[in-house]
Amino acid sequence: MIKILVIHGPNLDRLGTRETQIYGTDTLDDINMAIQEFAKDQKVEVKIVQSNHEGEIVDEIGKARDWADAIVINPAGYTHTSVAIRDAIASCSLPTVEVHLSNIYAREEFRHRSLVAPVAAGQITGFGLQSYLLGLRAAIEIVKKRE
């Protein structure tokens, strides 16, 4: 069975009430339920974590090497600032799909640069909750092609 680690970065625990004009009204629980339903339909095992702390995210990426076949990550605000998360992804050797709820390229200029994108297999941005499901589908296909 394919195993995928899904990581939600900082402030995503506040979805549904935080800047709904940008992030929509889906809560993190809504997103997690959709991820779990999709994973069940695809016969894929997922582990879902959320952290507001860079070091915890780095630790989860490191531990994934022993369990997961791929990672789907929304690094949120760390997208643009975290060399540590970028390096953790680069060193874990797992295919990683970067996802974002909003279109980061249609927002403030500082959001247009992702430190994660160069070490990710790909990036999906701007489709709300669907970004995660598209990211999972992409991760599954990458793993299947490697088998």
N, C-alpha and C. Protein backbone atom coordinates (compact mmCIF):
# COMPACT_ATOMS: atom_id res chain seq x y z
N MET A 1 0.84 -1.18 0.00
CA MET A 1 0.00 0.00 0.00
C MET A 1 0.89 1.25 0.00
N ILE A 2 0.54 2.19 -0.85
CA ILE A 2 1.26 3.46 -0.90
C ILE A 2 0.95 4.26 0.36
N LYS A 3 2.00 4.88 0.91
CA LYS A 3 1.86 5.68 2.13
C LYS A 3 2.35 7.09 1.85
N ILE A 4 1.51 8.07 2.20
CA ILE A 4 1.83 9.47 1.92
C ILE A 4 1.69 10.30 3.19
N LEU A 5 2.72 11.08 3.46
CA LEU A 5 2.68 12.04 4.55
C LEU A 5 2.14 13.36 4.01
N VAL A 6 1.13 13.90 4.66
CA VAL A 6 0.56 15.19 4.31
C VAL A 6 0.91 16.16 5.44
N ILE A 7 1.56 17.26 5.07
CA ILE A 7 1.99 18.25 6.06
C ILE A 7 1.30 19.58 5.78
N HIS A 8 0.65 20.10 6.81
CA HIS A 8 0.06 21.44 6.78
C HIS A 8 0.97 22.35 7.59
N GLY A 9 1.39 23.45 7.01
CA GLY A 9 2.29 24.37 7.69
C GLY A 9 1.58 25.37 8.59
N PRO A 10 2.30 26.44 8.94
CA PRO A 10 1.81 27.38 9.95
C PRO A 10 0.53 28.10 9.56
N ASN A 11 -0.29 28.30 10.58
CA ASN A 11 -1.55 29.05 10.51
C ASN A 11 -2.67 28.32 9.77
N LEU A 12 -2.38 27.15 9.24
CA LEU A 12 -3.44 26.41 8.54
C LEU A 12 -4.45 25.83 9.53
N ASP A 13 -4.09 25.77 10.80
CA ASP A 13 -5.03 25.35 11.83
C ASP A 13 -6.13 26.39 12.05
N ARG A 14 -5.97 27.58 11.46
CA ARG A 14 -6.94 28.66 11.61
C ARG A 14 -7.83 28.81 10.37
N LEU A 15 -7.74 27.87 9.46
CA LEU A 15 -8.56 27.94 8.25
C LEU A 15 -10.04 27.95 8.61
N GLY A 16 -10.81 28.59 7.78
CA GLY A 16 -12.25 28.70 8.00
C GLY A 16 -12.63 30.02 8.63
N THR A 17 -11.68 30.60 9.37
CA THR A 17 -11.92 31.91 9.98
C THR A 17 -10.85 32.92 9.57
N ARG A 18 -9.75 32.45 9.07
CA ARG A 18 -8.61 33.30 8.72
C ARG A 18 -8.70 33.74 7.26
N GLU A 19 -8.78 35.02 7.02
CA GLU A 19 -8.74 35.59 5.67
C GLU A 19 -9.53 34.73 4.67
N THR A 20 -10.80 34.58 4.94
CA THR A 20 -11.64 33.70 4.12
C THR A 20 -11.72 34.18 2.67
N GLN A 21 -11.51 35.46 2.42
CA GLN A 21 -11.52 35.95 1.04
C GLN A 21 -10.35 35.40 0.24
N ILE A 22 -9.30 34.95 0.93
CA ILE A 22 -8.13 34.35 0.27
C ILE A 22 -8.18 32.82 0.36
N TYR A 23 -8.46 32.30 1.56
CA TYR A 23 -8.33 30.87 1.82
C TYR A 23 -9.65 30.10 1.80
N GLY A 24 -10.77 30.81 1.69
CA GLY A 24 -12.06 30.14 1.68
C GLY A 24 -12.56 29.81 3.07
N THR A 25 -13.65 29.09 3.12
CA THR A 25 -14.30 28.79 4.40
C THR A 25 -14.08 27.35 4.85
N ASP A 26 -13.41 26.55 4.05
CA ASP A 26 -13.11 25.18 4.49
C ASP A 26 -12.17 25.24 5.70
N THR A 27 -12.47 24.45 6.70
CA THR A 27 -11.60 24.36 7.87
C THR A 27 -10.54 23.29 7.62
N LEU A 28 -9.54 23.24 8.48
CA LEU A 28 -8.53 22.19 8.37
C LEU A 28 -9.18 20.82 8.54
N ASP A 29 -10.17 20.72 9.42
CA ASP A 29 -10.89 19.44 9.56
C ASP A 29 -11.59 19.05 8.26
N ASP A 30 -12.19 20.02 7.57
CA ASP A 30 -12.83 19.74 6.28
C ASP A 30 -11.80 19.19 5.28
N ILE A 31 -10.66 19.84 5.22
CA ILE A 31 -9.60 19.41 4.30
C ILE A 31 -9.10 18.03 4.68
N ASN A 32 -8.88 17.80 5.95
CA ASN A 32 -8.39 16.48 6.39
C ASN A 32 -9.39 15.37 6.10
N MET A 33 -10.69 15.65 6.29
CA MET A 33 -11.70 14.64 5.97
C MET A 33 -11.70 14.33 4.48
N ALA A 34 -11.58 15.35 3.64
CA ALA A 34 -11.53 15.13 2.20
C ALA A 34 -10.29 14.33 1.81
N ILE A 35 -9.17 14.63 2.43
CA ILE A 35 -7.94 13.88 2.17
C ILE A 35 -8.12 12.42 2.56
N GLN A 36 -8.68 12.18 3.74
CA GLN A 36 -8.87 10.81 4.21
C GLN A 36 -9.84 10.03 3.32
N GLU A 37 -10.91 10.68 2.88
CA GLU A 37 -11.87 10.02 1.98
C GLU A 37 -11.21 9.69 0.64
N PHE A 38 -10.47 10.64 0.09
CA PHE A 38 -9.79 10.41 -1.17
C PHE A 38 -8.78 9.28 -1.03
N ALA A 39 -8.01 9.29 0.05
CA ALA A 39 -7.01 8.25 0.28
C ALA A 39 -7.68 6.87 0.39
N LYS A 40 -8.79 6.82 1.07
CA LYS A 40 -9.52 5.55 1.21
C LYS A 40 -9.97 5.05 -0.16
N ASP A 41 -10.53 5.96 -0.97
CA ASP A 41 -10.97 5.60 -2.32
C ASP A 41 -9.82 5.09 -3.18
N GLN A 42 -8.65 5.67 -2.99
CA GLN A 42 -7.46 5.31 -3.78
C GLN A 42 -6.68 4.15 -3.17
N LYS A 43 -7.14 3.67 -2.01
CA LYS A 43 -6.45 2.59 -1.28
C LYS A 43 -5.01 2.99 -0.93
N VAL A 44 -4.92 4.20 -0.40
CA VAL A 44 -3.65 4.79 0.00
C VAL A 44 -3.73 5.12 1.49
N GLU A 45 -2.63 4.91 2.19
CA GLU A 45 -2.57 5.28 3.61
C GLU A 45 -1.97 6.68 3.73
N VAL A 46 -2.60 7.53 4.53
CA VAL A 46 -2.07 8.87 4.76
C VAL A 46 -1.84 9.10 6.25
N LYS A 47 -0.82 9.86 6.52
CA LYS A 47 -0.58 10.40 7.85
C LYS A 47 -0.63 11.91 7.67
N ILE A 48 -1.45 12.58 8.47
CA ILE A 48 -1.64 14.02 8.33
C ILE A 48 -1.12 14.72 9.59
N VAL A 49 -0.28 15.72 9.39
CA VAL A 49 0.24 16.51 10.50
C VAL A 49 0.11 18.00 10.17
N GLN A 50 -0.04 18.80 11.20
CA GLN A 50 -0.03 20.26 11.06
C GLN A 50 0.86 20.81 12.15
N SER A 51 1.69 21.77 11.79
CA SER A 51 2.53 22.42 12.78
C SER A 51 2.77 23.87 12.40
N ASN A 52 2.84 24.68 13.44
CA ASN A 52 3.20 26.07 13.28
C ASN A 52 4.69 26.28 13.50
N HIS A 53 5.42 25.18 13.72
CA HIS A 53 6.83 25.26 14.11
C HIS A 53 7.73 24.61 13.05
N GLU A 54 8.65 25.38 12.55
CA GLU A 54 9.55 24.93 11.49
C GLU A 54 10.28 23.65 11.85
N GLY A 55 10.84 23.58 13.03
CA GLY A 55 11.60 22.40 13.44
C GLY A 55 10.75 21.14 13.49
N GLU A 56 9.51 21.26 13.90
CA GLU A 56 8.61 20.09 13.92
C GLU A 56 8.34 19.59 12.50
N ILE A 57 8.20 20.51 11.57
CA ILE A 57 7.98 20.13 10.17
C ILE A 57 9.22 19.42 9.63
N VAL A 58 10.40 19.96 9.93
CA VAL A 58 11.65 19.33 9.51
C VAL A 58 11.75 17.92 10.11
N ASP A 59 11.40 17.78 11.38
CA ASP A 59 11.43 16.45 12.02
C ASP A 59 10.49 15.47 11.34
N GLU A 60 9.28 15.92 11.00
CA GLU A 60 8.31 15.03 10.33
C GLU A 60 8.82 14.59 8.96
N ILE A 61 9.45 15.50 8.23
CA ILE A 61 10.01 15.15 6.93
C ILE A 61 11.11 14.11 7.11
N GLY A 62 11.95 14.29 8.10
CA GLY A 62 13.03 13.33 8.36
C GLY A 62 12.50 11.96 8.74
N LYS A 63 11.47 11.91 9.57
CA LYS A 63 10.88 10.63 9.97
C LYS A 63 10.16 9.93 8.82
N ALA A 64 9.69 10.72 7.86
CA ALA A 64 8.95 10.15 6.73
C ALA A 64 9.78 9.17 5.93
N ARG A 65 11.08 9.35 5.93
CA ARG A 65 11.96 8.43 5.17
C ARG A 65 11.76 6.98 5.58
N ASP A 66 11.41 6.76 6.84
CA ASP A 66 11.24 5.41 7.36
C ASP A 66 9.83 4.87 7.16
N TRP A 67 8.92 5.69 6.67
CA TRP A 67 7.54 5.24 6.59
C TRP A 67 6.88 5.52 5.24
N ALA A 68 7.04 6.73 4.75
CA ALA A 68 6.25 7.18 3.60
C ALA A 68 6.91 6.86 2.26
N ASP A 69 6.07 6.86 1.23
CA ASP A 69 6.54 6.74 -0.15
C ASP A 69 6.61 8.10 -0.84
N ALA A 70 5.89 9.07 -0.27
CA ALA A 70 5.85 10.42 -0.85
C ALA A 70 5.34 11.39 0.20
N ILE A 71 5.52 12.67 -0.10
CA ILE A 71 5.06 13.74 0.78
C ILE A 71 4.24 14.72 -0.04
N VAL A 72 3.15 15.19 0.56
CA VAL A 72 2.39 16.32 0.05
C VAL A 72 2.48 17.39 1.13
N ILE A 73 2.99 18.56 0.78
CA ILE A 73 3.22 19.60 1.78
C ILE A 73 2.67 20.95 1.33
N ASN A 74 1.99 21.59 2.27
CA ASN A 74 1.65 23.01 2.13
C ASN A 74 2.52 23.72 3.16
N PRO A 75 3.67 24.24 2.73
CA PRO A 75 4.57 24.87 3.69
C PRO A 75 4.06 26.23 4.18
N ALA A 76 2.97 26.72 3.59
CA ALA A 76 2.35 27.98 3.98
C ALA A 76 3.41 29.09 4.01
N GLY A 77 3.46 29.88 5.06
CA GLY A 77 4.40 30.99 5.13
C GLY A 77 5.85 30.58 5.04
N TYR A 78 6.16 29.33 5.39
CA TYR A 78 7.55 28.85 5.29
C TYR A 78 7.98 28.62 3.84
N THR A 79 7.04 28.63 2.92
CA THR A 79 7.34 28.47 1.50
C THR A 79 8.45 29.41 1.06
N HIS A 80 8.37 30.63 1.55
CA HIS A 80 9.21 31.72 1.06
C HIS A 80 10.42 31.98 1.93
N THR A 81 10.51 31.28 3.08
CA THR A 81 11.55 31.64 4.05
C THR A 81 12.39 30.49 4.56
N SER A 82 11.91 29.25 4.45
CA SER A 82 12.56 28.16 5.18
C SER A 82 13.55 27.35 4.33
N VAL A 83 14.80 27.68 4.49
CA VAL A 83 15.86 26.86 3.90
C VAL A 83 15.88 25.50 4.59
N ALA A 84 15.55 25.46 5.87
CA ALA A 84 15.57 24.21 6.63
C ALA A 84 14.56 23.20 6.06
N ILE A 85 13.36 23.64 5.76
CA ILE A 85 12.35 22.74 5.18
C ILE A 85 12.77 22.34 3.77
N ARG A 86 13.27 23.26 3.01
CA ARG A 86 13.78 22.96 1.67
C ARG A 86 14.86 21.90 1.74
N ASP A 87 15.82 22.05 2.64
CA ASP A 87 16.91 21.10 2.76
C ASP A 87 16.43 19.74 3.26
N ALA A 88 15.44 19.73 4.16
CA ALA A 88 14.88 18.46 4.65
C ALA A 88 14.24 17.69 3.51
N ILE A 89 13.50 18.38 2.66
CA ILE A 89 12.87 17.74 1.51
C ILE A 89 13.94 17.21 0.56
N ALA A 90 14.93 18.03 0.28
CA ALA A 90 16.00 17.61 -0.64
C ALA A 90 16.74 16.39 -0.12
N SER A 91 16.93 16.29 1.19
CA SER A 91 17.73 15.20 1.73
C SER A 91 16.93 13.94 2.03
N CYS A 92 15.61 14.02 2.05
CA CYS A 92 14.83 12.82 2.42
C CYS A 92 14.64 11.86 1.25
N SER A 93 14.88 12.31 0.04
CA SER A 93 14.80 11.46 -1.16
C SER A 93 13.40 10.92 -1.44
N LEU A 94 12.37 11.54 -0.90
CA LEU A 94 10.99 11.14 -1.21
C LEU A 94 10.40 12.14 -2.19
N PRO A 95 9.66 11.66 -3.18
CA PRO A 95 9.00 12.61 -4.07
C PRO A 95 8.03 13.48 -3.26
N THR A 96 8.10 14.76 -3.50
CA THR A 96 7.31 15.72 -2.73
C THR A 96 6.53 16.61 -3.66
N VAL A 97 5.26 16.79 -3.35
CA VAL A 97 4.40 17.68 -4.11
C VAL A 97 4.04 18.86 -3.20
N GLU A 98 4.34 20.06 -3.65
CA GLU A 98 4.02 21.28 -2.92
C GLU A 98 2.63 21.74 -3.32
N VAL A 99 1.79 22.05 -2.34
CA VAL A 99 0.44 22.53 -2.62
C VAL A 99 0.16 23.83 -1.86
N HIS A 100 -0.73 24.62 -2.44
CA HIS A 100 -1.19 25.86 -1.81
C HIS A 100 -2.66 26.05 -2.10
N LEU A 101 -3.40 26.51 -1.12
CA LEU A 101 -4.82 26.79 -1.30
C LEU A 101 -5.04 27.95 -2.26
N SER A 102 -4.27 29.02 -2.07
CA SER A 102 -4.40 30.21 -2.92
C SER A 102 -3.34 30.16 -4.02
N ASN A 103 -3.56 30.98 -5.04
CA ASN A 103 -2.56 31.10 -6.10
C ASN A 103 -1.49 32.07 -5.61
N ILE A 104 -0.37 31.54 -5.16
CA ILE A 104 0.67 32.39 -4.56
C ILE A 104 1.24 33.37 -5.58
N TYR A 105 1.11 33.10 -6.85
CA TYR A 105 1.66 33.97 -7.89
C TYR A 105 0.73 35.13 -8.23
N ALA A 106 -0.49 35.09 -7.72
CA ALA A 106 -1.44 36.19 -7.91
C ALA A 106 -1.52 37.06 -6.66
N ARG A 107 -0.63 36.81 -5.72
CA ARG A 107 -0.65 37.56 -4.45
C ARG A 107 0.56 38.48 -4.35
N GLU A 108 0.90 38.86 -3.15
CA GLU A 108 2.01 39.78 -2.93
C GLU A 108 3.28 39.23 -3.56
N GLU A 109 4.13 40.14 -4.02
CA GLU A 109 5.33 39.73 -4.75
C GLU A 109 6.23 38.81 -3.94
N PHE A 110 6.34 39.03 -2.62
CA PHE A 110 7.21 38.17 -1.82
C PHE A 110 6.76 36.72 -1.81
N ARG A 111 5.50 36.47 -2.14
CA ARG A 111 4.98 35.10 -2.17
C ARG A 111 5.27 34.40 -3.50
N HIS A 112 5.80 35.10 -4.47
CA HIS A 112 6.03 34.54 -5.80
C HIS A 112 7.24 33.61 -5.84
N ARG A 113 8.04 33.57 -4.80
CA ARG A 113 9.24 32.73 -4.78
C ARG A 113 9.08 31.62 -3.75
N SER A 114 9.15 30.41 -4.20
CA SER A 114 9.09 29.25 -3.32
C SER A 114 10.47 28.64 -3.20
N LEU A 115 10.93 28.48 -1.97
CA LEU A 115 12.20 27.78 -1.74
C LEU A 115 12.02 26.27 -1.88
N VAL A 116 10.79 25.81 -1.76
CA VAL A 116 10.49 24.37 -1.83
C VAL A 116 10.39 23.89 -3.28
N ALA A 117 9.85 24.70 -4.15
CA ALA A 117 9.57 24.28 -5.53
C ALA A 117 10.77 23.65 -6.24
N PRO A 118 11.99 24.18 -6.11
CA PRO A 118 13.11 23.57 -6.83
C PRO A 118 13.46 22.14 -6.39
N VAL A 119 13.02 21.74 -5.20
CA VAL A 119 13.33 20.38 -4.73
C VAL A 119 12.08 19.50 -4.71
N ALA A 120 10.95 20.04 -5.16
CA ALA A 120 9.71 19.27 -5.23
C ALA A 120 9.54 18.68 -6.62
N ALA A 121 8.76 17.62 -6.69
CA ALA A 121 8.43 17.02 -7.99
C ALA A 121 7.53 17.96 -8.78
N GLY A 122 6.73 18.74 -8.08
CA GLY A 122 5.83 19.68 -8.73
C GLY A 122 5.09 20.50 -7.71
N GLN A 123 4.29 21.43 -8.22
CA GLN A 123 3.58 22.38 -7.36
C GLN A 123 2.17 22.57 -7.89
N ILE A 124 1.19 22.57 -6.98
CA ILE A 124 -0.20 22.81 -7.34
C ILE A 124 -0.69 23.96 -6.46
N THR A 125 -1.20 24.99 -7.10
CA THR A 125 -1.51 26.20 -6.35
C THR A 125 -2.80 26.84 -6.86
N GLY A 126 -3.64 27.28 -5.93
CA GLY A 126 -4.79 28.09 -6.30
C GLY A 126 -6.12 27.41 -6.39
N PHE A 127 -6.23 26.15 -6.00
CA PHE A 127 -7.49 25.43 -6.16
C PHE A 127 -8.16 25.09 -4.84
N GLY A 128 -7.80 25.80 -3.78
CA GLY A 128 -8.42 25.55 -2.48
C GLY A 128 -8.19 24.12 -2.04
N LEU A 129 -9.20 23.54 -1.43
CA LEU A 129 -9.12 22.15 -0.96
C LEU A 129 -8.69 21.20 -2.07
N GLN A 130 -9.12 21.47 -3.29
CA GLN A 130 -8.77 20.60 -4.41
C GLN A 130 -7.26 20.54 -4.65
N SER A 131 -6.53 21.59 -4.26
CA SER A 131 -5.07 21.54 -4.41
C SER A 131 -4.49 20.33 -3.69
N TYR A 132 -5.01 20.03 -2.51
CA TYR A 132 -4.52 18.87 -1.76
C TYR A 132 -4.86 17.57 -2.48
N LEU A 133 -6.08 17.46 -2.98
CA LEU A 133 -6.48 16.22 -3.65
C LEU A 133 -5.71 16.03 -4.96
N LEU A 134 -5.50 17.11 -5.69
CA LEU A 134 -4.67 17.03 -6.89
C LEU A 134 -3.23 16.67 -6.54
N GLY A 135 -2.74 17.22 -5.44
CA GLY A 135 -1.40 16.89 -4.97
C GLY A 135 -1.28 15.43 -4.58
N LEU A 136 -2.29 14.90 -3.92
CA LEU A 136 -2.29 13.47 -3.57
C LEU A 136 -2.30 12.61 -4.82
N ARG A 137 -3.14 12.98 -5.79
CA ARG A 137 -3.20 12.21 -7.04
C ARG A 137 -1.84 12.21 -7.72
N ALA A 138 -1.20 13.37 -7.76
CA ALA A 138 0.13 13.47 -8.38
C ALA A 138 1.14 12.61 -7.63
N ALA A 139 1.13 12.66 -6.30
CA ALA A 139 2.07 11.86 -5.51
C ALA A 139 1.85 10.37 -5.74
N ILE A 140 0.61 9.95 -5.81
CA ILE A 140 0.29 8.54 -6.06
C ILE A 140 0.85 8.11 -7.41
N GLU A 141 0.63 8.91 -8.43
CA GLU A 141 1.12 8.58 -9.78
C GLU A 141 2.65 8.52 -9.82
N ILE A 142 3.31 9.43 -9.14
CA ILE A 142 4.77 9.41 -9.09
C ILE A 142 5.26 8.11 -8.46
N VAL A 143 4.66 7.72 -7.35
CA VAL A 143 5.07 6.49 -6.66
C VAL A 143 4.81 5.27 -7.55
N LYS A 144 3.66 5.22 -8.20
CA LYS A 144 3.33 4.08 -9.06
C LYS A 144 4.34 3.95 -10.21
N LYS A 145 4.77 5.06 -10.76
CA LYS A 145 5.73 5.02 -11.85
C LYS A 145 7.10 4.53 -11.39
N ARG A 146 7.40 4.69 -10.10
CA ARG A 146 8.69 4.25 -9.55
C ARG A 146 8.71 2.76 -9.23
N GLU A 147 7.49 2.19 -9.07
CA GLU A 147 7.40 0.77 -8.67
C GLU A 147 7.79 -0.16 -9.80
